[in-house]
């Protein structure tokens, strides 16, 4: 009987921890937009290079997108945001190199976010 109670406690702890892990890894469009607002001037062609704040935001979002679902969400958020601003896509494509980060897909309106895998 004691072993059964212990097993139940262990299973319950695992269920709780799995639920908490999923909550932590979720990335929202609001977060993506907020972190990348410092990039708008560069992405619209108003600035010759991205600011330090822009690159820090890019690193944070890429670092938080740790699952296929998160990466697809970030991609879809970027595409939605790009529809709200007159984006210079040459600057968008150059952003990863200028910020020294690896974005595992092309920043383009033609990117199929569903094809992105972790």
PDB file of N, CA and C in Angstrom:
ATOM      1  N   UNK A   1       0.824  -1.189   0.000  1.00  0.00           N
ATOM      2  CA  UNK A   1       0.000   0.000   0.000  1.00  0.00           C
ATOM      3  C   UNK A   1       0.874   1.261   0.000  1.00  0.00           C
ATOM      4  N   UNK A   2       1.956   1.221   0.787  1.00  0.00           N
ATOM      5  CA  UNK A   2       2.867   2.358   0.854  1.00  0.00           C
ATOM      6  C   UNK A   2       3.522   2.638  -0.489  1.00  0.00           C
ATOM      7  N   UNK A   3       3.886   1.564  -1.211  1.00  0.00           N
ATOM      8  CA  UNK A   3       4.501   1.735  -2.530  1.00  0.00           C
ATOM      9  C   UNK A   3       3.525   2.353  -3.528  1.00  0.00           C
ATOM     10  N   UNK A   4       2.260   1.987  -3.427  1.00  0.00           N
ATOM     11  CA  UNK A   4       1.241   2.528  -4.316  1.00  0.00           C
ATOM     12  C   UNK A   4       1.070   4.030  -4.078  1.00  0.00           C
ATOM     13  N   UNK A   5       1.051   4.437  -2.807  1.00  0.00           N
ATOM     14  CA  UNK A   5       0.934   5.862  -2.485  1.00  0.00           C
ATOM     15  C   UNK A   5       2.143   6.628  -3.022  1.00  0.00           C
ATOM     16  N   UNK A   6       3.312   6.067  -2.839  1.00  0.00           N
ATOM     17  CA  UNK A   6       4.530   6.709  -3.327  1.00  0.00           C
ATOM     18  C   UNK A   6       4.498   6.842  -4.849  1.00  0.00           C
ATOM     19  N   UNK A   7       4.061   5.787  -5.521  1.00  0.00           N
ATOM     20  CA  UNK A   7       3.971   5.819  -6.982  1.00  0.00           C
ATOM     21  C   UNK A   7       2.986   6.896  -7.437  1.00  0.00           C
ATOM     22  N   UNK A   8       1.866   7.015  -6.736  1.00  0.00           N
ATOM     23  CA  UNK A   8       0.870   8.038  -7.083  1.00  0.00           C
ATOM     24  C   UNK A   8       1.444   9.443  -6.900  1.00  0.00           C
ATOM     25  N   UNK A   9       2.174   9.650  -5.814  1.00  0.00           N
ATOM     26  CA  UNK A   9       2.785  10.953  -5.563  1.00  0.00           C
ATOM     27  C   UNK A   9       3.799  11.281  -6.659  1.00  0.00           C
ATOM     28  N   UNK A  10       4.611  10.313  -7.039  1.00  0.00           N
ATOM     29  CA  UNK A  10       5.614  10.524  -8.086  1.00  0.00           C
ATOM     30  C   UNK A  10       4.937  10.873  -9.410  1.00  0.00           C
ATOM     31  N   UNK A  11       3.890  10.140  -9.766  1.00  0.00           N
ATOM     32  CA  UNK A  11       3.173  10.403 -11.015  1.00  0.00           C
ATOM     33  C   UNK A  11       2.558  11.799 -10.988  1.00  0.00           C
ATOM     34  N   UNK A  12       1.943  12.182  -9.882  1.00  0.00           N
ATOM     35  CA  UNK A  12       1.336  13.514  -9.775  1.00  0.00           C
ATOM     36  C   UNK A  12       2.395  14.612  -9.918  1.00  0.00           C
ATOM     37  N   UNK A  13       3.548  14.410  -9.297  1.00  0.00           N
ATOM     38  CA  UNK A  13       4.636  15.390  -9.416  1.00  0.00           C
ATOM     39  C   UNK A  13       5.094  15.518 -10.864  1.00  0.00           C
ATOM     40  N   UNK A  14       5.181  14.396 -11.554  1.00  0.00           N
ATOM     41  CA  UNK A  14       5.608  14.423 -12.953  1.00  0.00           C
ATOM     42  C   UNK A  14       4.596  15.178 -13.811  1.00  0.00           C
ATOM     43  N   UNK A  15       3.305  14.952 -13.574  1.00  0.00           N
ATOM     44  CA  UNK A  15       2.259  15.632 -14.338  1.00  0.00           C
ATOM     45  C   UNK A  15       2.338  17.138 -14.106  1.00  0.00           C
ATOM     46  N   UNK A  16       2.498  17.536 -12.856  1.00  0.00           N
ATOM     47  CA  UNK A  16       2.598  18.961 -12.532  1.00  0.00           C
ATOM     48  C   UNK A  16       3.824  19.574 -13.198  1.00  0.00           C
ATOM     49  N   UNK A  17       4.954  18.904 -13.137  1.00  0.00           N
ATOM     50  CA  UNK A  17       6.186  19.440 -13.715  1.00  0.00           C
ATOM     51  C   UNK A  17       6.100  19.531 -15.236  1.00  0.00           C
ATOM     52  N   UNK A  18       5.468  18.562 -15.883  1.00  0.00           N
ATOM     53  CA  UNK A  18       5.327  18.616 -17.338  1.00  0.00           C
ATOM     54  C   UNK A  18       4.451  19.795 -17.735  1.00  0.00           C
ATOM     55  N   UNK A  19       3.399  20.049 -16.984  1.00  0.00           N
ATOM     56  CA  UNK A  19       2.532  21.187 -17.257  1.00  0.00           C
ATOM     57  C   UNK A  19       3.264  22.500 -17.085  1.00  0.00           C
ATOM     58  N   UNK A  20       4.093  22.606 -16.053  1.00  0.00           N
ATOM     59  CA  UNK A  20       4.860  23.822 -15.811  1.00  0.00           C
ATOM     60  C   UNK A  20       5.902  24.020 -16.904  1.00  0.00           C
ATOM     61  N   UNK A  21       6.530  22.961 -17.362  1.00  0.00           N
ATOM     62  CA  UNK A  21       7.545  23.075 -18.416  1.00  0.00           C
ATOM     63  C   UNK A  21       6.913  23.615 -19.695  1.00  0.00           C
ATOM     64  N   UNK A  22       5.718  23.168 -20.024  1.00  0.00           N
ATOM     65  CA  UNK A  22       5.050  23.640 -21.235  1.00  0.00           C
ATOM     66  C   UNK A  22       4.710  25.122 -21.126  1.00  0.00           C
ATOM     67  N   UNK A  23       4.281  25.565 -19.934  1.00  0.00           N
ATOM     68  CA  UNK A  23       3.953  26.971 -19.761  1.00  0.00           C
ATOM     69  C   UNK A  23       5.183  27.850 -19.945  1.00  0.00           C
ATOM     70  N   UNK A  24       6.317  27.397 -19.498  1.00  0.00           N
ATOM     71  CA  UNK A  24       7.543  28.181 -19.570  1.00  0.00           C
ATOM     72  C   UNK A  24       8.021  28.339 -21.008  1.00  0.00           C
ATOM     73  N   UNK A  25       7.818  27.325 -21.853  1.00  0.00           N
ATOM     74  CA  UNK A  25       8.396  27.381 -23.182  1.00  0.00           C
ATOM     75  C   UNK A  25       7.533  28.107 -24.210  1.00  0.00           C
ATOM     76  N   UNK A  26       6.357  28.572 -23.832  1.00  0.00           N
ATOM     77  CA  UNK A  26       5.484  29.252 -24.778  1.00  0.00           C
ATOM     78  C   UNK A  26       5.986  30.654 -25.079  1.00  0.00           C
ATOM     79  N   UNK A  27       5.968  31.000 -26.345  1.00  0.00           N
ATOM     80  CA  UNK A  27       6.341  32.336 -26.804  1.00  0.00           C
ATOM     81  C   UNK A  27       5.086  32.960 -27.396  1.00  0.00           C
ATOM     82  N   UNK A  28       4.825  34.220 -27.066  1.00  0.00           N
ATOM     83  CA  UNK A  28       3.631  34.892 -27.574  1.00  0.00           C
ATOM     84  C   UNK A  28       4.003  35.974 -28.583  1.00  0.00           C
ATOM     85  N   UNK A  29       3.043  36.324 -29.422  1.00  0.00           N
ATOM     86  CA  UNK A  29       3.284  37.399 -30.393  1.00  0.00           C
ATOM     87  C   UNK A  29       3.520  38.726 -29.680  1.00  0.00           C
ATOM     88  N   UNK A  30       2.844  38.941 -28.571  1.00  0.00           N
ATOM     89  CA  UNK A  30       3.066  40.171 -27.814  1.00  0.00           C
ATOM     90  C   UNK A  30       4.510  40.299 -27.366  1.00  0.00           C
ATOM     91  N   UNK A  31       5.068  39.186 -26.904  1.00  0.00           N
ATOM     92  CA  UNK A  31       6.468  39.176 -26.465  1.00  0.00           C
ATOM     93  C   UNK A  31       7.407  39.410 -27.647  1.00  0.00           C
ATOM     94  N   UNK A  32       7.131  38.756 -28.763  1.00  0.00           N
ATOM     95  CA  UNK A  32       7.971  38.930 -29.958  1.00  0.00           C
ATOM     96  C   UNK A  32       7.956  40.393 -30.392  1.00  0.00           C
ATOM     97  N   UNK A  33       6.771  40.968 -30.483  1.00  0.00           N
ATOM     98  CA  UNK A  33       6.642  42.365 -30.903  1.00  0.00           C
ATOM     99  C   UNK A  33       7.371  43.297 -29.945  1.00  0.00           C
ATOM    100  N   UNK A  34       7.166  43.092 -28.655  1.00  0.00           N
ATOM    101  CA  UNK A  34       7.807  43.953 -27.655  1.00  0.00           C
ATOM    102  C   UNK A  34       9.327  43.871 -27.731  1.00  0.00           C
ATOM    103  N   UNK A  35       9.861  42.661 -27.818  1.00  0.00           N
ATOM    104  CA  UNK A  35      11.316  42.492 -27.838  1.00  0.00           C
ATOM    105  C   UNK A  35      11.954  43.042 -29.108  1.00  0.00           C
ATOM    106  N   UNK A  36      11.193  43.052 -30.198  1.00  0.00           N
ATOM    107  CA  UNK A  36      11.774  43.475 -31.470  1.00  0.00           C
ATOM    108  C   UNK A  36      11.412  44.902 -31.883  1.00  0.00           C
ATOM    109  N   UNK A  37      10.718  45.649 -31.024  1.00  0.00           N
ATOM    110  CA  UNK A  37      10.381  47.040 -31.351  1.00  0.00           C
ATOM    111  C   UNK A  37      11.631  47.878 -31.606  1.00  0.00           C
ATOM    112  N   UNK A  38      12.720  47.552 -30.935  1.00  0.00           N
ATOM    113  CA  UNK A  38      13.971  48.295 -31.139  1.00  0.00           C
ATOM    114  C   UNK A  38      14.542  48.073 -32.539  1.00  0.00           C
ATOM    115  N   UNK A  39      14.025  47.093 -33.263  1.00  0.00           N
ATOM    116  CA  UNK A  39      14.520  46.784 -34.613  1.00  0.00           C
ATOM    117  C   UNK A  39      13.757  47.519 -35.715  1.00  0.00           C
ATOM    118  N   UNK A  40      12.644  48.142 -35.377  1.00  0.00           N
ATOM    119  CA  UNK A  40      11.768  48.707 -36.402  1.00  0.00           C
ATOM    120  C   UNK A  40      12.488  49.717 -37.296  1.00  0.00           C
ATOM    121  N   UNK A  41      13.260  50.622 -36.711  1.00  0.00           N
ATOM    122  CA  UNK A  41      13.980  51.615 -37.519  1.00  0.00           C
ATOM    123  C   UNK A  41      14.898  50.969 -38.539  1.00  0.00           C
ATOM    124  N   UNK A  42      15.618  49.949 -38.110  1.00  0.00           N
ATOM    125  CA  UNK A  42      16.517  49.239 -39.026  1.00  0.00           C
ATOM    126  C   UNK A  42      15.717  48.477 -40.082  1.00  0.00           C
ATOM    127  N   UNK A  43      14.678  47.777 -39.643  1.00  0.00           N
ATOM    128  CA  UNK A  43      13.902  46.955 -40.574  1.00  0.00           C
ATOM    129  C   UNK A  43      13.140  47.793 -41.601  1.00  0.00           C
ATOM    130  N   UNK A  44      12.826  49.036 -41.252  1.00  0.00           N
ATOM    131  CA  UNK A  44      12.139  49.921 -42.194  1.00  0.00           C
ATOM    132  C   UNK A  44      13.123  50.713 -43.052  1.00  0.00           C
ATOM    133  N   UNK A  45      14.427  50.486 -42.846  1.00  0.00           N
ATOM    134  CA  UNK A  45      15.437  51.150 -43.655  1.00  0.00           C
ATOM    135  C   UNK A  45      15.791  52.544 -43.175  1.00  0.00           C
ATOM    136  N   UNK A  46      15.366  52.911 -41.969  1.00  0.00           N
ATOM    137  CA  UNK A  46      15.654  54.244 -41.436  1.00  0.00           C
ATOM    138  C   UNK A  46      17.035  54.322 -40.795  1.00  0.00           C
ATOM    139  N   UNK A  47      17.557  53.195 -40.349  1.00  0.00           N
ATOM    140  CA  UNK A  47      18.873  53.131 -39.709  1.00  0.00           C
ATOM    141  C   UNK A  47      19.766  52.195 -40.516  1.00  0.00           C
ATOM    142  N   UNK A  48      21.052  52.515 -40.575  1.00  0.00           N
ATOM    143  CA  UNK A  48      21.988  51.706 -41.349  1.00  0.00           C
ATOM    144  C   UNK A  48      22.358  50.389 -40.704  1.00  0.00           C
ATOM    145  N   UNK A  49      22.170  50.297 -39.398  1.00  0.00           N
ATOM    146  CA  UNK A  49      22.488  49.044 -38.709  1.00  0.00           C
ATOM    147  C   UNK A  49      21.555  48.893 -37.514  1.00  0.00           C
ATOM    148  N   UNK A  50      21.342  47.658 -37.079  1.00  0.00           N
ATOM    149  CA  UNK A  50      20.462  47.443 -35.924  1.00  0.00           C
ATOM    150  C   UNK A  50      21.132  47.923 -34.638  1.00  0.00           C
ATOM    151  N   UNK A  51      20.327  48.398 -33.711  1.00  0.00           N
ATOM    152  CA  UNK A  51      20.847  48.859 -32.424  1.00  0.00           C
ATOM    153  C   UNK A  51      21.209  47.666 -31.541  1.00  0.00           C
ATOM    154  N   UNK A  52      21.942  47.948 -30.487  1.00  0.00           N
ATOM    155  CA  UNK A  52      22.280  46.902 -29.523  1.00  0.00           C
ATOM    156  C   UNK A  52      21.001  46.330 -28.907  1.00  0.00           C
ATOM    157  N   UNK A  53      20.027  47.204 -28.622  1.00  0.00           N
ATOM    158  CA  UNK A  53      18.750  46.745 -28.066  1.00  0.00           C
ATOM    159  C   UNK A  53      18.017  45.821 -29.014  1.00  0.00           C
ATOM    160  N   UNK A  54      18.098  46.115 -30.305  1.00  0.00           N
ATOM    161  CA  UNK A  54      17.487  45.252 -31.316  1.00  0.00           C
ATOM    162  C   UNK A  54      18.114  43.868 -31.265  1.00  0.00           C
ATOM    163  N   UNK A  55      19.433  43.822 -31.308  1.00  0.00           N
ATOM    164  CA  UNK A  55      20.131  42.530 -31.311  1.00  0.00           C
ATOM    165  C   UNK A  55      19.881  41.751 -30.023  1.00  0.00           C
ATOM    166  N   UNK A  56      19.802  42.455 -28.902  1.00  0.00           N
ATOM    167  CA  UNK A  56      19.494  41.780 -27.638  1.00  0.00           C
ATOM    168  C   UNK A  56      18.095  41.177 -27.680  1.00  0.00           C
ATOM    169  N   UNK A  57      17.139  41.902 -28.261  1.00  0.00           N
ATOM    170  CA  UNK A  57      15.782  41.384 -28.398  1.00  0.00           C
ATOM    171  C   UNK A  57      15.729  40.160 -29.295  1.00  0.00           C
ATOM    172  N   UNK A  58      16.464  40.205 -30.408  1.00  0.00           N
ATOM    173  CA  UNK A  58      16.520  39.061 -31.326  1.00  0.00           C
ATOM    174  C   UNK A  58      17.101  37.847 -30.599  1.00  0.00           C
ATOM    175  N   UNK A  59      18.202  38.052 -29.884  1.00  0.00           N
ATOM    176  CA  UNK A  59      18.825  36.938 -29.144  1.00  0.00           C
ATOM    177  C   UNK A  59      17.867  36.356 -28.109  1.00  0.00           C
ATOM    178  N   UNK A  60      17.142  37.223 -27.421  1.00  0.00           N
ATOM    179  CA  UNK A  60      16.213  36.747 -26.389  1.00  0.00           C
ATOM    180  C   UNK A  60      15.104  35.897 -27.003  1.00  0.00           C
ATOM    181  N   UNK A  61      14.495  36.394 -28.068  1.00  0.00           N
ATOM    182  CA  UNK A  61      13.396  35.653 -28.703  1.00  0.00           C
ATOM    183  C   UNK A  61      13.890  34.327 -29.270  1.00  0.00           C
ATOM    184  N   UNK A  62      15.020  34.335 -29.953  1.00  0.00           N
ATOM    185  CA  UNK A  62      15.561  33.094 -30.518  1.00  0.00           C
ATOM    186  C   UNK A  62      15.927  32.128 -29.398  1.00  0.00           C
ATOM    187  N   UNK A  63      16.469  32.644 -28.309  1.00  0.00           N
ATOM    188  CA  UNK A  63      16.824  31.797 -27.172  1.00  0.00           C
ATOM    189  C   UNK A  63      15.622  31.184 -26.482  1.00  0.00           C
ATOM    190  N   UNK A  64      14.489  31.877 -26.508  1.00  0.00           N
ATOM    191  CA  UNK A  64      13.279  31.371 -25.864  1.00  0.00           C
ATOM    192  C   UNK A  64      12.496  30.420 -26.756  1.00  0.00           C
ATOM    193  N   UNK A  65      12.743  30.448 -28.040  1.00  0.00           N
ATOM    194  CA  UNK A  65      12.028  29.578 -28.980  1.00  0.00           C
ATOM    195  C   UNK A  65      12.740  28.231 -29.033  1.00  0.00           C
ATOM    196  N   UNK A  66      12.447  27.393 -28.044  1.00  0.00           N
ATOM    197  CA  UNK A  66      13.191  26.143 -27.876  1.00  0.00           C
ATOM    198  C   UNK A  66      12.468  24.911 -28.393  1.00  0.00           C
ATOM    199  N   UNK A  67      11.295  25.094 -28.982  1.00  0.00           N
ATOM    200  CA  UNK A  67      10.561  23.960 -29.535  1.00  0.00           C
ATOM    201  C   UNK A  67      10.134  24.298 -30.964  1.00  0.00           C
ATOM    202  N   UNK A  68       9.723  23.291 -31.700  1.00  0.00           N
ATOM    203  CA  UNK A  68       9.202  23.518 -33.051  1.00  0.00           C
ATOM    204  C   UNK A  68       8.022  24.473 -32.998  1.00  0.00           C
ATOM    205  N   UNK A  69       7.113  24.259 -32.066  1.00  0.00           N
ATOM    206  CA  UNK A  69       5.932  25.111 -31.930  1.00  0.00           C
ATOM    207  C   UNK A  69       6.323  26.559 -31.657  1.00  0.00           C
ATOM    208  N   UNK A  70       7.287  26.765 -30.762  1.00  0.00           N
ATOM    209  CA  UNK A  70       7.748  28.121 -30.456  1.00  0.00           C
ATOM    210  C   UNK A  70       8.351  28.788 -31.683  1.00  0.00           C
ATOM    211  N   UNK A  71       9.178  28.070 -32.417  1.00  0.00           N
ATOM    212  CA  UNK A  71       9.806  28.648 -33.613  1.00  0.00           C
ATOM    213  C   UNK A  71       8.764  28.998 -34.665  1.00  0.00           C
ATOM    214  N   UNK A  72       7.764  28.144 -34.822  1.00  0.00           N
ATOM    215  CA  UNK A  72       6.702  28.435 -35.773  1.00  0.00           C
ATOM    216  C   UNK A  72       5.890  29.645 -35.323  1.00  0.00           C
ATOM    217  N   UNK A  73       5.656  29.752 -34.017  1.00  0.00           N
ATOM    218  CA  UNK A  73       4.942  30.909 -33.479  1.00  0.00           C
ATOM    219  C   UNK A  73       5.719  32.185 -33.746  1.00  0.00           C
ATOM    220  N   UNK A  74       7.013  32.182 -33.446  1.00  0.00           N
ATOM    221  CA  UNK A  74       7.843  33.369 -33.687  1.00  0.00           C
ATOM    222  C   UNK A  74       7.795  33.747 -35.164  1.00  0.00           C
ATOM    223  N   UNK A  75       7.930  32.784 -36.035  1.00  0.00           N
ATOM    224  CA  UNK A  75       7.881  33.034 -37.479  1.00  0.00           C
ATOM    225  C   UNK A  75       6.551  33.675 -37.873  1.00  0.00           C
ATOM    226  N   UNK A  76       5.447  33.106 -37.408  1.00  0.00           N
ATOM    227  CA  UNK A  76       4.129  33.659 -37.735  1.00  0.00           C
ATOM    228  C   UNK A  76       3.950  35.063 -37.164  1.00  0.00           C
ATOM    229  N   UNK A  77       4.469  35.296 -35.968  1.00  0.00           N
ATOM    230  CA  UNK A  77       4.395  36.632 -35.363  1.00  0.00           C
ATOM    231  C   UNK A  77       5.193  37.636 -36.184  1.00  0.00           C
ATOM    232  N   UNK A  78       6.378  37.240 -36.618  1.00  0.00           N
ATOM    233  CA  UNK A  78       7.212  38.127 -37.432  1.00  0.00           C
ATOM    234  C   UNK A  78       6.512  38.476 -38.741  1.00  0.00           C
ATOM    235  N   UNK A  79       5.890  37.482 -39.358  1.00  0.00           N
ATOM    236  CA  UNK A  79       5.185  37.735 -40.616  1.00  0.00           C
ATOM    237  C   UNK A  79       3.996  38.665 -40.392  1.00  0.00           C
ATOM    238  N   UNK A  80       3.274  38.469 -39.291  1.00  0.00           N
ATOM    239  CA  UNK A  80       2.135  39.339 -38.989  1.00  0.00           C
ATOM    240  C   UNK A  80       2.604  40.766 -38.722  1.00  0.00           C
ATOM    241  N   UNK A  81       3.676  40.903 -37.944  1.00  0.00           N
ATOM    242  CA  UNK A  81       4.221  42.239 -37.665  1.00  0.00           C
ATOM    243  C   UNK A  81       4.710  42.909 -38.943  1.00  0.00           C
ATOM    244  N   UNK A  82       5.314  42.137 -39.829  1.00  0.00           N
ATOM    245  CA  UNK A  82       5.844  42.694 -41.079  1.00  0.00           C
ATOM    246  C   UNK A  82       4.729  43.276 -41.944  1.00  0.00           C
ATOM    247  N   UNK A  83       3.522  42.744 -41.807  1.00  0.00           N
ATOM    248  CA  UNK A  83       2.390  43.285 -42.564  1.00  0.00           C
ATOM    249  C   UNK A  83       1.931  44.637 -42.027  1.00  0.00           C
ATOM    250  N   UNK A  84       2.385  44.991 -40.821  1.00  0.00           N
ATOM    251  CA  UNK A  84       1.982  46.254 -40.198  1.00  0.00           C
ATOM    252  C   UNK A  84       2.943  47.401 -40.493  1.00  0.00           C
ATOM    253  N   UNK A  85       4.094  47.083 -41.034  1.00  0.00           N
ATOM    254  CA  UNK A  85       5.136  48.089 -41.276  1.00  0.00           C
ATOM    255  C   UNK A  85       5.702  47.912 -42.685  1.00  0.00           C
ATOM    256  N   UNK A  86       6.191  48.999 -43.292  1.00  0.00           N
ATOM    257  CA  UNK A  86       6.848  48.873 -44.602  1.00  0.00           C
ATOM    258  C   UNK A  86       8.284  48.355 -44.421  1.00  0.00           C
ATOM    259  N   UNK A  87       8.417  47.047 -44.360  1.00  0.00           N
ATOM    260  CA  UNK A  87       9.697  46.403 -44.054  1.00  0.00           C
ATOM    261  C   UNK A  87      10.602  46.374 -45.283  1.00  0.00           C
ATOM    262  N   UNK A  88      11.868  46.674 -45.078  1.00  0.00           N
ATOM    263  CA  UNK A  88      12.907  46.503 -46.087  1.00  0.00           C
ATOM    264  C   UNK A  88      13.425  45.071 -45.898  1.00  0.00           C
ATOM    265  N   UNK A  89      13.031  44.167 -46.785  1.00  0.00           N
ATOM    266  CA  UNK A  89      13.363  42.755 -46.589  1.00  0.00           C
ATOM    267  C   UNK A  89      14.844  42.453 -46.783  1.00  0.00           C
ATOM    268  N   UNK A  90      15.573  43.315 -47.471  1.00  0.00           N
ATOM    269  CA  UNK A  90      17.032  43.137 -47.522  1.00  0.00           C
ATOM    270  C   UNK A  90      17.620  43.317 -46.125  1.00  0.00           C
ATOM    271  N   UNK A  91      17.128  44.320 -45.399  1.00  0.00           N
ATOM    272  CA  UNK A  91      17.583  44.519 -44.025  1.00  0.00           C
ATOM    273  C   UNK A  91      17.142  43.356 -43.135  1.00  0.00           C
ATOM    274  N   UNK A  92      15.930  42.873 -43.347  1.00  0.00           N
ATOM    275  CA  UNK A  92      15.437  41.748 -42.545  1.00  0.00           C
ATOM    276  C   UNK A  92      16.318  40.516 -42.747  1.00  0.00           C
ATOM    277  N   UNK A  93      16.692  40.252 -43.993  1.00  0.00           N
ATOM    278  CA  UNK A  93      17.542  39.092 -44.266  1.00  0.00           C
ATOM    279  C   UNK A  93      18.952  39.269 -43.712  1.00  0.00           C
ATOM    280  N   UNK A  94      19.412  40.513 -43.606  1.00  0.00           N
ATOM    281  CA  UNK A  94      20.757  40.778 -43.085  1.00  0.00           C
ATOM    282  C   UNK A  94      20.796  40.821 -41.556  1.00  0.00           C
ATOM    283  N   UNK A  95      19.637  40.931 -40.916  1.00  0.00           N
ATOM    284  CA  UNK A  95      19.582  41.087 -39.460  1.00  0.00           C
ATOM    285  C   UNK A  95      20.309  39.991 -38.684  1.00  0.00           C
ATOM    286  N   UNK A  96      20.109  38.709 -38.996  1.00  0.00           N
ATOM    287  CA  UNK A  96      20.822  37.680 -38.218  1.00  0.00           C
ATOM    288  C   UNK A  96      22.343  37.852 -38.253  1.00  0.00           C
ATOM    289  N   UNK A  97      22.898  38.116 -39.419  1.00  0.00           N
ATOM    290  CA  UNK A  97      24.352  38.282 -39.524  1.00  0.00           C
ATOM    291  C   UNK A  97      24.814  39.533 -38.786  1.00  0.00           C
ATOM    292  N   UNK A  98      24.054  40.621 -38.907  1.00  0.00           N
ATOM    293  CA  UNK A  98      24.443  41.868 -38.242  1.00  0.00           C
ATOM    294  C   UNK A  98      24.366  41.746 -36.724  1.00  0.00           C
ATOM    295  N   UNK A  99      23.462  40.900 -36.235  1.00  0.00           N
ATOM    296  CA  UNK A  99      23.337  40.691 -34.784  1.00  0.00           C
ATOM    297  C   UNK A  99      24.127  39.469 -34.313  1.00  0.00           C
ATOM    298  N   UNK A 100      24.786  38.799 -35.251  1.00  0.00           N
ATOM    299  CA  UNK A 100      25.581  37.609 -34.933  1.00  0.00           C
ATOM    300  C   UNK A 100      24.751  36.531 -34.233  1.00  0.00           C
ATOM    301  N   UNK A 101      23.572  36.259 -34.813  1.00  0.00           N
ATOM    302  CA  UNK A 101      22.702  35.196 -34.304  1.00  0.00           C
ATOM    303  C   UNK A 101      22.296  34.297 -35.460  1.00  0.00           C
ATOM    304  N   UNK A 102      21.950  33.077 -35.125  1.00  0.00           N
ATOM    305  CA  UNK A 102      21.483  32.131 -36.128  1.00  0.00           C
ATOM    306  C   UNK A 102      19.965  32.029 -36.033  1.00  0.00           C
ATOM    307  N   UNK A 103      19.288  32.525 -37.045  1.00  0.00           N
ATOM    308  CA  UNK A 103      17.844  32.344 -37.138  1.00  0.00           C
ATOM    309  C   UNK A 103      17.648  31.224 -38.149  1.00  0.00           C
ATOM    310  N   UNK A 104      17.018  30.134 -37.734  1.00  0.00           N
ATOM    311  CA  UNK A 104      16.980  28.927 -38.570  1.00  0.00           C
ATOM    312  C   UNK A 104      16.015  28.972 -39.755  1.00  0.00           C
ATOM    313  N   UNK A 105      15.648  30.155 -40.188  1.00  0.00           N
ATOM    314  CA  UNK A 105      14.805  30.296 -41.371  1.00  0.00           C
ATOM    315  C   UNK A 105      15.007  31.698 -41.936  1.00  0.00           C
ATOM    316  N   UNK A 106      14.598  31.870 -43.179  1.00  0.00           N
ATOM    317  CA  UNK A 106      14.741  33.150 -43.866  1.00  0.00           C
ATOM    318  C   UNK A 106      13.644  34.105 -43.385  1.00  0.00           C
ATOM    319  N   UNK A 107      14.023  35.344 -43.074  1.00  0.00           N
ATOM    320  CA  UNK A 107      13.049  36.361 -42.688  1.00  0.00           C
ATOM    321  C   UNK A 107      12.464  36.958 -43.960  1.00  0.00           C
ATOM    322  N   UNK A 108      11.361  36.379 -44.403  1.00  0.00           N
ATOM    323  CA  UNK A 108      10.773  36.746 -45.684  1.00  0.00           C
ATOM    324  C   UNK A 108       9.260  36.535 -45.632  1.00  0.00           C
ATOM    325  N   UNK A 109       8.502  37.322 -46.402  1.00  0.00           N
ATOM    326  CA  UNK A 109       7.049  37.109 -46.428  1.00  0.00           C
ATOM    327  C   UNK A 109       6.661  35.788 -47.081  1.00  0.00           C
ATOM    328  N   UNK A 110       7.590  35.159 -47.780  1.00  0.00           N
ATOM    329  CA  UNK A 110       7.284  33.885 -48.435  1.00  0.00           C
ATOM    330  C   UNK A 110       7.675  32.669 -47.594  1.00  0.00           C
ATOM    331  N   UNK A 111       8.260  32.889 -46.425  1.00  0.00           N
ATOM    332  CA  UNK A 111       8.646  31.772 -45.559  1.00  0.00           C
ATOM    333  C   UNK A 111       7.397  31.022 -45.116  1.00  0.00           C
ATOM    334  N   UNK A 112       7.416  29.702 -45.260  1.00  0.00           N
ATOM    335  CA  UNK A 112       6.316  28.866 -44.783  1.00  0.00           C
ATOM    336  C   UNK A 112       6.649  28.438 -43.356  1.00  0.00           C
ATOM    337  N   UNK A 113       6.036  29.093 -42.395  1.00  0.00           N
ATOM    338  CA  UNK A 113       6.348  28.838 -40.986  1.00  0.00           C
ATOM    339  C   UNK A 113       6.047  27.397 -40.572  1.00  0.00           C
ATOM    340  N   UNK A 114       5.101  26.751 -41.232  1.00  0.00           N
ATOM    341  CA  UNK A 114       4.756  25.365 -40.892  1.00  0.00           C
ATOM    342  C   UNK A 114       5.889  24.398 -41.222  1.00  0.00           C
ATOM    343  N   UNK A 115       6.807  24.807 -42.093  1.00  0.00           N
ATOM    344  CA  UNK A 115       7.937  23.943 -42.460  1.00  0.00           C
ATOM    345  C   UNK A 115       9.087  24.007 -41.461  1.00  0.00           C
ATOM    346  N   UNK A 116       9.038  24.938 -40.522  1.00  0.00           N
ATOM    347  CA  UNK A 116      10.134  25.122 -39.565  1.00  0.00           C
ATOM    348  C   UNK A 116      10.099  24.015 -38.527  1.00  0.00           C
ATOM    349  N   UNK A 117      11.247  23.416 -38.286  1.00  0.00           N
ATOM    350  CA  UNK A 117      11.397  22.343 -37.290  1.00  0.00           C
ATOM    351  C   UNK A 117      12.532  22.703 -36.357  1.00  0.00           C
ATOM    352  N   UNK A 118      12.470  22.175 -35.142  1.00  0.00           N
ATOM    353  CA  UNK A 118      13.531  22.417 -34.163  1.00  0.00           C
ATOM    354  C   UNK A 118      14.665  21.471 -34.413  1.00  0.00           C
TER     355      UNK A 118
END
